[in-house]
C-alpha atoms as a PDB file:
ATOM      1  CA  MET A   1       0.138  -0.061  -0.137  1.00  0.00           C
ATOM      2  CA  PRO A   2       1.259   3.730  -0.574  1.00  0.00           C
ATOM      3  CA  GLU A   3       2.786   5.365   2.513  1.00  0.00           C
ATOM      4  CA  GLY A   4      -0.266   7.219   3.950  1.00  0.00           C
ATOM      5  CA  LYS A   5      -3.209   4.761   2.148  1.00  0.00           C
ATOM      6  CA  GLY A   6      -4.253   1.866   4.301  1.00  0.00           C
ATOM      7  CA  LYS A   7      -6.348   1.403   7.467  1.00  0.00           C
ATOM      8  CA  ARG A   8      -7.312   4.068   9.387  1.00  0.00           C
ATOM      9  CA  PRO A   9      -6.273   4.344  13.394  1.00  0.00           C
ATOM     10  CA  PRO A  10      -9.324   3.470  15.471  1.00  0.00           C
ATOM     11  CA  LEU A  11     -11.632   6.771  16.227  1.00  0.00           C
ATOM     12  CA  LYS A  12     -10.679   7.473  20.123  1.00  0.00           C
ATOM     13  CA  PRO A  13     -13.392   8.489  22.809  1.00  0.00           C
ATOM     14  CA  GLY A  14     -13.380  11.678  23.941  1.00  0.00           C
ATOM     15  CA  PRO A  15     -13.096  12.853  27.694  1.00  0.00           C
ATOM     16  CA  ASP A  16     -16.265  11.534  28.126  1.00  0.00           C
ATOM     17  CA  GLY A  17     -15.652   7.784  26.528  1.00  0.00           C
ATOM     18  CA  ILE A  18     -17.962   8.142  23.734  1.00  0.00           C
ATOM     19  CA  VAL A  19     -16.303   8.153  20.751  1.00  0.00           C
ATOM     20  CA  ARG A  20     -18.115  10.748  17.521  1.00  0.00           C
ATOM     21  CA  LEU A  21     -17.900   9.224  14.219  1.00  0.00           C
ATOM     22  CA  ALA A  22     -17.642  11.994  11.364  1.00  0.00           C
ATOM     23  CA  GLY A  23     -19.929  15.326  12.617  1.00  0.00           C
ATOM     24  CA  GLY A  24     -19.703  14.673  15.431  1.00  0.00           C
ATOM     25  CA  ASN A  25     -22.080  11.812  15.613  1.00  0.00           C
ATOM     26  CA  PRO A  26     -22.264   9.728  18.962  1.00  0.00           C
ATOM     27  CA  GLN A  27     -21.383   6.245  18.660  1.00  0.00           C
ATOM     28  CA  ILE A  28     -23.747   4.475  21.200  1.00  0.00           C
ATOM     29  CA  ALA A  29     -24.474   0.768  21.359  1.00  0.00           C
ATOM     30  CA  LYS A  30     -27.675  -0.572  19.453  1.00  0.00           C
ATOM     31  CA  GLY A  31     -30.534  -0.200  21.899  1.00  0.00           C
ATOM     32  CA  TYR A  32     -33.776  -0.217  22.970  1.00  0.00           C
ATOM     33  CA  GLY A  33     -36.097   2.454  25.349  1.00  0.00           C
ATOM     34  CA  ASP A  34     -36.083   5.459  26.527  1.00  0.00           C
ATOM     35  CA  GLU A  35     -32.295   4.926  28.566  1.00  0.00           C
ATOM     36  CA  VAL A  36     -30.438   4.191  25.062  1.00  0.00           C
ATOM     37  CA  VAL A  37     -31.784   7.571  23.553  1.00  0.00           C
ATOM     38  CA  GLN A  38     -30.618   9.627  26.434  1.00  0.00           C
ATOM     39  CA  ARG A  39     -27.531   8.315  26.297  1.00  0.00           C
ATOM     40  CA  TYR A  40     -27.538   9.635  22.696  1.00  0.00           C
ATOM     41  CA  ILE A  41     -28.648  13.025  23.193  1.00  0.00           C
ATOM     42  CA  ALA A  42     -26.545  13.712  26.384  1.00  0.00           C
ATOM     43  CA  ALA A  43     -23.054  12.635  23.952  1.00  0.00           C
ATOM     44  CA  MET A  44     -24.680  14.723  21.316  1.00  0.00           C
ATOM     45  CA  PRO A  45     -21.488  17.532  20.771  1.00  0.00           C
ATOM     46  CA  GLY A  46     -22.576  21.453  21.766  1.00  0.00           C
ATOM     47  CA  TRP A  47     -25.403  23.393  20.751  1.00  0.00           C
ATOM     48  CA  GLN A  48     -27.116  19.857  19.415  1.00  0.00           C
ATOM     49  CA  ARG A  49     -27.478  18.382  22.573  1.00  0.00           C
ATOM     50  CA  ALA A  50     -30.474  21.548  23.075  1.00  0.00           C
ATOM     51  CA  VAL A  51     -31.676  20.254  20.005  1.00  0.00           C
ATOM     52  CA  GLY A  52     -31.568  16.420  20.483  1.00  0.00           C
ATOM     53  CA  GLU A  53     -33.742  16.855  23.936  1.00  0.00           C
ATOM     54  CA  LYS A  54     -36.228  19.028  22.354  1.00  0.00           C
ATOM     55  CA  LEU A  55     -37.018  17.140  19.405  1.00  0.00           C
ATOM     56  CA  ASP A  56     -37.129  14.333  22.147  1.00  0.00           C
ATOM     57  CA  ALA A  57     -39.277  16.078  24.148  1.00  0.00           C
ATOM     58  CA  LEU A  58     -41.700  17.509  20.986  1.00  0.00           C
ATOM     59  CA  ILE A  59     -41.754  13.602  19.815  1.00  0.00           C
ATOM     60  CA  ALA A  60     -42.613  11.998  23.274  1.00  0.00           C
ATOM     61  CA  ARG A  61     -45.715  14.457  23.741  1.00  0.00           C
ATOM     62  CA  ALA A  62     -46.927  14.546  20.455  1.00  0.00           C
ATOM     63  CA  VAL A  63     -47.471  10.386  20.361  1.00  0.00           C
ATOM     64  CA  PRO A  64     -47.908   9.347  23.851  1.00  0.00           C
ATOM     65  CA  GLY A  65     -45.618   5.609  24.650  1.00  0.00           C
ATOM     66  CA  VAL A  66     -43.596   6.057  21.318  1.00  0.00           C
ATOM     67  CA  GLU A  67     -41.261   3.259  21.166  1.00  0.00           C
ATOM     68  CA  LYS A  68     -37.437   4.294  21.068  1.00  0.00           C
ATOM     69  CA  ALA A  69     -34.525   3.257  20.105  1.00  0.00           C
ATOM     70  CA  VAL A  70     -30.801   3.234  18.564  1.00  0.00           C
ATOM     71  CA  LYS A  71     -29.416   1.911  15.665  1.00  0.00           C
ATOM     72  CA  TRP A  72     -26.854   2.857  13.598  1.00  0.00           C
ATOM     73  CA  ASN A  73     -25.735   5.875  16.161  1.00  0.00           C
ATOM     74  CA  THR A  74     -28.862   7.030  15.283  1.00  0.00           C
ATOM     75  CA  PRO A  75     -32.070   7.576  17.747  1.00  0.00           C
ATOM     76  CA  PHE A  76     -35.356   6.378  16.218  1.00  0.00           C
ATOM     77  CA  TYR A  77     -38.926   6.680  17.093  1.00  0.00           C
ATOM     78  CA  GLY A  78     -41.987   4.474  16.277  1.00  0.00           C
ATOM     79  CA  THR A  79     -44.932   2.987  16.873  1.00  0.00           C
ATOM     80  CA  LYS A  80     -43.733  -0.660  17.456  1.00  0.00           C
ATOM     81  CA  GLN A  81     -40.467  -1.631  18.494  1.00  0.00           C
ATOM     82  CA  ASP A  82     -38.568  -1.933  14.539  1.00  0.00           C
ATOM     83  CA  ILE A  83     -41.210  -0.111  12.989  1.00  0.00           C
ATOM     84  CA  TYR A  84     -40.177   3.655  12.841  1.00  0.00           C
ATOM     85  CA  PHE A  85     -41.617   6.812  11.256  1.00  0.00           C
ATOM     86  CA  VAL A  86     -38.878   9.861  12.333  1.00  0.00           C
ATOM     87  CA  SER A  87     -35.141   9.734  13.493  1.00  0.00           C
ATOM     88  CA  TYR A  88     -32.104  12.160  13.566  1.00  0.00           C
ATOM     89  CA  HIS A  89     -28.396  12.241  13.773  1.00  0.00           C
ATOM     90  CA  CYS A  90     -25.820  15.062  14.195  1.00  0.00           C
ATOM     91  CA  MET A  91     -24.008  16.215  10.982  1.00  0.00           C
ATOM     92  CA  THR A  92     -21.041  18.814  11.302  1.00  0.00           C
ATOM     93  CA  LYS A  93     -23.036  21.926  11.189  1.00  0.00           C
ATOM     94  CA  TYR A  94     -26.747  20.402  11.987  1.00  0.00           C
ATOM     95  CA  VAL A  95     -29.307  18.072  13.139  1.00  0.00           C
ATOM     96  CA  LYS A  96     -30.335  15.996  10.183  1.00  0.00           C
ATOM     97  CA  VAL A  97     -34.114  14.860  11.200  1.00  0.00           C
ATOM     98  CA  ALA A  98     -35.530  11.939   8.710  1.00  0.00           C
ATOM     99  CA  PHE A  99     -39.458  11.670   8.081  1.00  0.00           C
ATOM    100  CA  HIS A 100     -39.458   8.087   6.980  1.00  0.00           C
ATOM    101  CA  ASN A 101     -42.613   8.464   4.726  1.00  0.00           C
ATOM    102  CA  GLY A 102     -42.227  12.269   4.475  1.00  0.00           C
ATOM    103  CA  ALA A 103     -43.232  12.408   1.055  1.00  0.00           C
ATOM    104  CA  MET A 104     -47.026  11.961   2.558  1.00  0.00           C
ATOM    105  CA  LEU A 105     -46.883  14.598   5.364  1.00  0.00           C
ATOM    106  CA  ASP A 106     -49.057  17.911   4.428  1.00  0.00           C
ATOM    107  CA  PRO A 107     -47.289  20.560   3.928  1.00  0.00           C
ATOM    108  CA  LYS A 108     -43.644  18.429   3.337  1.00  0.00           C
ATOM    109  CA  PRO A 109     -40.889  18.430   5.227  1.00  0.00           C
ATOM    110  CA  PRO A 110     -38.807  21.229   3.194  1.00  0.00           C
ATOM    111  CA  GLY A 111     -35.523  18.543   2.343  1.00  0.00           C
ATOM    112  CA  THR A 112     -35.797  15.850  -0.447  1.00  0.00           C
ATOM    113  CA  SER A 113     -33.930  12.927  -0.499  1.00  0.00           C
ATOM    114  CA  LYS A 114     -33.045  10.273  -3.096  1.00  0.00           C
ATOM    115  CA  GLN A 115     -35.525   8.661  -1.974  1.00  0.00           C
ATOM    116  CA  GLU A 116     -38.863   9.092  -2.691  1.00  0.00           C
ATOM    117  CA  LYS A 117     -40.528   8.613   0.106  1.00  0.00           C
ATOM    118  CA  VAL A 118     -38.435  10.101   3.143  1.00  0.00           C
ATOM    119  CA  ARG A 119     -38.085  13.838   3.565  1.00  0.00           C
ATOM    120  CA  TYR A 120     -36.010  15.840   5.322  1.00  0.00           C
ATOM    121  CA  LEU A 121     -35.745  18.894   8.391  1.00  0.00           C
ATOM    122  CA  ASP A 122     -32.263  20.265   8.844  1.00  0.00           C
ATOM    123  CA  ILE A 123     -31.961  22.088  12.205  1.00  0.00           C
ATOM    124  CA  TYR A 124     -28.454  24.533  12.206  1.00  0.00           C
ATOM    125  CA  GLU A 125     -27.332  26.300  15.419  1.00  0.00           C
ATOM    126  CA  ASN A 126     -29.082  28.948  15.378  1.00  0.00           C
ATOM    127  CA  ASP A 127     -32.310  27.999  13.869  1.00  0.00           C
ATOM    128  CA  THR A 128     -35.835  28.213  16.213  1.00  0.00           C
ATOM    129  CA  ILE A 129     -37.748  25.187  15.390  1.00  0.00           C
ATOM    130  CA  ASP A 130     -41.260  25.468  14.832  1.00  0.00           C
ATOM    131  CA  GLU A 131     -42.737  23.407  17.577  1.00  0.00           C
ATOM    132  CA  ASP A 132     -46.201  23.914  15.890  1.00  0.00           C
ATOM    133  CA  GLN A 133     -45.411  22.484  12.843  1.00  0.00           C
ATOM    134  CA  PHE A 134     -42.787  19.724  14.143  1.00  0.00           C
ATOM    135  CA  THR A 135     -45.081  18.569  16.446  1.00  0.00           C
ATOM    136  CA  ASP A 136     -48.198  17.958  13.548  1.00  0.00           C
ATOM    137  CA  TRP A 137     -45.524  16.067  11.159  1.00  0.00           C
ATOM    138  CA  VAL A 138     -44.343  14.174  13.806  1.00  0.00           C
ATOM    139  CA  LYS A 139     -48.349  13.008  14.707  1.00  0.00           C
ATOM    140  CA  GLN A 140     -49.244  12.670  10.823  1.00  0.00           C
ATOM    141  CA  ALA A 141     -45.877  10.537  10.307  1.00  0.00           C
ATOM    142  CA  SER A 142     -47.454   8.419  13.856  1.00  0.00           C
ATOM    143  CA  GLN A 143     -50.322   7.850  11.741  1.00  0.00           C
ATOM    144  CA  LEU A 144     -48.519   6.341   8.671  1.00  0.00           C
ATOM    145  CA  PRO A 145     -47.299   2.973   8.078  1.00  0.00           C
ATOM    146  CA  GLY A 146     -43.549   3.053   9.003  1.00  0.00           C
ATOM    147  CA  GLU A 147     -40.668   1.732   8.211  1.00  0.00           C
ATOM    148  CA  LYS A 148     -39.105  -1.443   9.303  1.00  0.00           C
ATOM    149  CA  MET A 149     -34.942  -0.854  10.235  1.00  0.00           C
END
């Protein structure tokens, strides 16, 4: 192999023991329930943590008894275990919220996807979350068939 090419060294945990992947996304072991999602949120970097806390609270309030999980270093929310309607993860400069059947929401979330049914909402550091609109999208999404993940 040419010099400088090959396997990259393993990522090192931060001072809190959490490894952060590209964009600062926390590497959290797969699991089910609120505890693992709260571990993910607590590990979100900087201002993104407050966004994660807000999203989690809005989703839980909009869909009482929502099922939660972390898979692929991403928190998922659904009406049944392994059937999810929304997720989010950290990017370098924003938090990307994915509505798995977002193309069926009215109005549609603004971000398009290569996947026909998926729509995104990107939340940047100084953005104000429109809580009413977000809650409406979550309620609508929870009534649609979720995606098996």
